[in-house]
Structures are given as structure tokens and as C-alpha cells.
Amino acid sequence: MEFYEDYFEKNPVEAIKAGKDKDGNIQFVTGDPLIDRWEEQIAKGIMPDLTEGMTSEEILKLKEEREAAKSKKQKDVSPLWRRKHW
């Protein structure tokens, strides 16, 4: 692995060539079917569904954590900034 890191660091164009698929899109292959599908979608300009491999419980927990983070961020905004920007 270190060989490739060193080689591609010295030859960045070769890294791009190595990452191209048959259509010329840059796509990295990891060996994980889910990640490789996402990489293929990204290479084609499609936004992958990053919750695809999650259970409904995990998706719900993610949404709850996101809402909690938004709420905390709004509370952490200083009153002076809030007055100026809201």
C-alpha cells in the first residue's frame, strides 16, 4: 500500500488514470459493494442515498441527532450575531 501512496504522490496523473472506469469517470473501487455502488453513482453525477445501508431505527436516530445538533447550534449563537443576522 505504501508503494502506491508514494508512487501516486510523485505521479498524481497516474492516480487519476488508475481511478477511471470504462466510461472515463473517476471512480474508486473499495471492494465493498455498497461503497462501490455509491462511488459509481457519484462518478455519474448522481447523489447516492447514504442511508441505504441503515435500518429504519438507525435512520430515525440519525434524524433525531441532526435535529438536536441544529437546536444546539441555534442556542449557541451569540445574541449579538443573532440580532445582526436574524
C-alpha atoms as a PDB file:
ATOM      1  CA  MET A   1       0.000   0.000   0.000  1.00  0.00           C
ATOM      2  CA  GLU A   2       2.771   2.434   0.860  1.00  0.00           C
ATOM      3  CA  PHE A   3       4.279   1.825  -2.564  1.00  0.00           C
ATOM      4  CA  TYR A   4       1.100   3.113  -4.207  1.00  0.00           C
ATOM      5  CA  GLU A   5       0.902   6.089  -1.854  1.00  0.00           C
ATOM      6  CA  ASP A   6       4.468   7.055  -2.694  1.00  0.00           C
ATOM      7  CA  TYR A   7       4.035   6.378  -6.413  1.00  0.00           C
ATOM      8  CA  PHE A   8       0.789   8.345  -6.743  1.00  0.00           C
ATOM      9  CA  GLU A   9       2.155  11.197  -4.657  1.00  0.00           C
ATOM     10  CA  LYS A  10       5.038  11.522  -7.129  1.00  0.00           C
ATOM     11  CA  ASN A  11       2.792  10.850 -10.166  1.00  0.00           C
ATOM     12  CA  PRO A  12      -0.670  12.315  -9.448  1.00  0.00           C
ATOM     13  CA  VAL A  13      -1.826  11.927 -13.062  1.00  0.00           C
ATOM     14  CA  GLU A  14      -1.330   8.171 -12.729  1.00  0.00           C
ATOM     15  CA  ALA A  15      -3.701   8.139  -9.744  1.00  0.00           C
ATOM     16  CA  ILE A  16      -6.420   9.687 -11.891  1.00  0.00           C
ATOM     17  CA  LYS A  17      -5.782   7.165 -14.671  1.00  0.00           C
ATOM     18  CA  ALA A  18      -5.955   4.289 -12.185  1.00  0.00           C
ATOM     19  CA  GLY A  19      -9.256   5.559 -10.767  1.00  0.00           C
ATOM     20  CA  LYS A  20     -11.086   5.899 -14.096  1.00  0.00           C
ATOM     21  CA  ASP A  21     -13.813   3.476 -15.070  1.00  0.00           C
ATOM     22  CA  LYS A  22     -14.530   2.256 -18.613  1.00  0.00           C
ATOM     23  CA  ASP A  23     -16.519   5.437 -19.389  1.00  0.00           C
ATOM     24  CA  GLY A  24     -13.693   7.713 -18.235  1.00  0.00           C
ATOM     25  CA  ASN A  25     -15.364   8.691 -14.961  1.00  0.00           C
ATOM     26  CA  ILE A  26     -13.139   8.770 -11.899  1.00  0.00           C
ATOM     27  CA  GLN A  27     -14.353   6.006  -9.629  1.00  0.00           C
ATOM     28  CA  PHE A  28     -12.529   4.354  -6.777  1.00  0.00           C
ATOM     29  CA  VAL A  29     -13.170   0.688  -6.073  1.00  0.00           C
ATOM     30  CA  THR A  30     -13.012  -0.431  -2.455  1.00  0.00           C
ATOM     31  CA  GLY A  31     -14.318  -3.990  -2.698  1.00  0.00           C
ATOM     32  CA  ASP A  32     -17.320  -3.124  -0.501  1.00  0.00           C
ATOM     33  CA  PRO A  33     -20.431  -3.484  -2.700  1.00  0.00           C
ATOM     34  CA  LEU A  34     -22.330  -0.646  -1.009  1.00  0.00           C
ATOM     35  CA  ILE A  35     -19.431   1.826  -1.072  1.00  0.00           C
ATOM     36  CA  ASP A  36     -18.563   0.850  -4.641  1.00  0.00           C
ATOM     37  CA  ARG A  37     -22.189   1.480  -5.718  1.00  0.00           C
ATOM     38  CA  TRP A  38     -22.043   4.926  -4.079  1.00  0.00           C
ATOM     39  CA  GLU A  39     -18.719   5.645  -5.797  1.00  0.00           C
ATOM     40  CA  GLU A  40     -20.236   4.639  -9.146  1.00  0.00           C
ATOM     41  CA  GLN A  41     -23.246   6.901  -8.566  1.00  0.00           C
ATOM     42  CA  ILE A  42     -21.006   9.821  -7.585  1.00  0.00           C
ATOM     43  CA  ALA A  43     -18.868   9.270 -10.696  1.00  0.00           C
ATOM     44  CA  LYS A  44     -22.048   9.521 -12.779  1.00  0.00           C
ATOM     45  CA  GLY A  45     -23.139  12.710 -11.008  1.00  0.00           C
ATOM     46  CA  ILE A  46     -25.883  11.004  -9.001  1.00  0.00           C
ATOM     47  CA  MET A  47     -26.270  11.801  -5.301  1.00  0.00           C
ATOM     48  CA  PRO A  48     -26.259   8.421  -3.527  1.00  0.00           C
ATOM     49  CA  ASP A  49     -28.663   7.585  -0.727  1.00  0.00           C
ATOM     50  CA  LEU A  50     -26.234   7.462   2.186  1.00  0.00           C
ATOM     51  CA  THR A  51     -28.878   5.928   4.427  1.00  0.00           C
ATOM     52  CA  GLU A  52     -29.215   2.944   2.074  1.00  0.00           C
ATOM     53  CA  GLY A  53     -27.364   0.530   4.340  1.00  0.00           C
ATOM     54  CA  MET A  54     -29.091   1.689   7.527  1.00  0.00           C
ATOM     55  CA  THR A  55     -32.028   0.201   9.398  1.00  0.00           C
ATOM     56  CA  SER A  56     -35.154   2.314   9.964  1.00  0.00           C
ATOM     57  CA  GLU A  57     -34.131   2.654  13.636  1.00  0.00           C
ATOM     58  CA  GLU A  58     -30.691   3.974  12.643  1.00  0.00           C
ATOM     59  CA  ILE A  59     -32.237   6.468  10.223  1.00  0.00           C
ATOM     60  CA  LEU A  60     -34.619   7.709  12.927  1.00  0.00           C
ATOM     61  CA  LYS A  61     -31.742   8.077  15.401  1.00  0.00           C
ATOM     62  CA  LEU A  62     -29.718   9.991  12.792  1.00  0.00           C
ATOM     63  CA  LYS A  63     -32.629  12.394  12.207  1.00  0.00           C
ATOM     64  CA  GLU A  64     -33.030  12.935  15.958  1.00  0.00           C
ATOM     65  CA  GLU A  65     -29.304  13.620  16.379  1.00  0.00           C
ATOM     66  CA  ARG A  66     -29.352  16.038  13.435  1.00  0.00           C
ATOM     67  CA  GLU A  67     -32.299  17.958  14.917  1.00  0.00           C
ATOM     68  CA  ALA A  68     -30.606  18.078  18.329  1.00  0.00           C
ATOM     69  CA  ALA A  69     -27.430  19.435  16.727  1.00  0.00           C
ATOM     70  CA  LYS A  70     -29.412  22.111  14.844  1.00  0.00           C
ATOM     71  CA  SER A  71     -31.193  23.108  18.048  1.00  0.00           C
ATOM     72  CA  LYS A  72     -27.915  23.310  19.983  1.00  0.00           C
ATOM     73  CA  LYS A  73     -26.301  25.357  17.222  1.00  0.00           C
ATOM     74  CA  GLN A  74     -29.144  27.868  17.322  1.00  0.00           C
ATOM     75  CA  LYS A  75     -28.831  28.147  21.104  1.00  0.00           C
ATOM     76  CA  ASP A  76     -25.045  28.621  20.858  1.00  0.00           C
ATOM     77  CA  VAL A  77     -25.343  31.636  18.546  1.00  0.00           C
ATOM     78  CA  SER A  78     -24.436  34.794  20.401  1.00  0.00           C
ATOM     79  CA  PRO A  79     -27.232  37.341  20.924  1.00  0.00           C
ATOM     80  CA  LEU A  80     -25.205  39.998  19.082  1.00  0.00           C
ATOM     81  CA  TRP A  81     -24.826  37.806  15.996  1.00  0.00           C
ATOM     82  CA  ARG A  82     -28.484  36.791  16.195  1.00  0.00           C
ATOM     83  CA  ARG A  83     -29.594  40.433  16.361  1.00  0.00           C
ATOM     84  CA  LYS A  84     -27.450  41.328  13.336  1.00  0.00           C
ATOM     85  CA  HIS A  85     -28.290  38.326  11.131  1.00  0.00           C
ATOM     86  CA  TRP A  86     -31.834  37.258  12.076  1.00  0.00           C
END
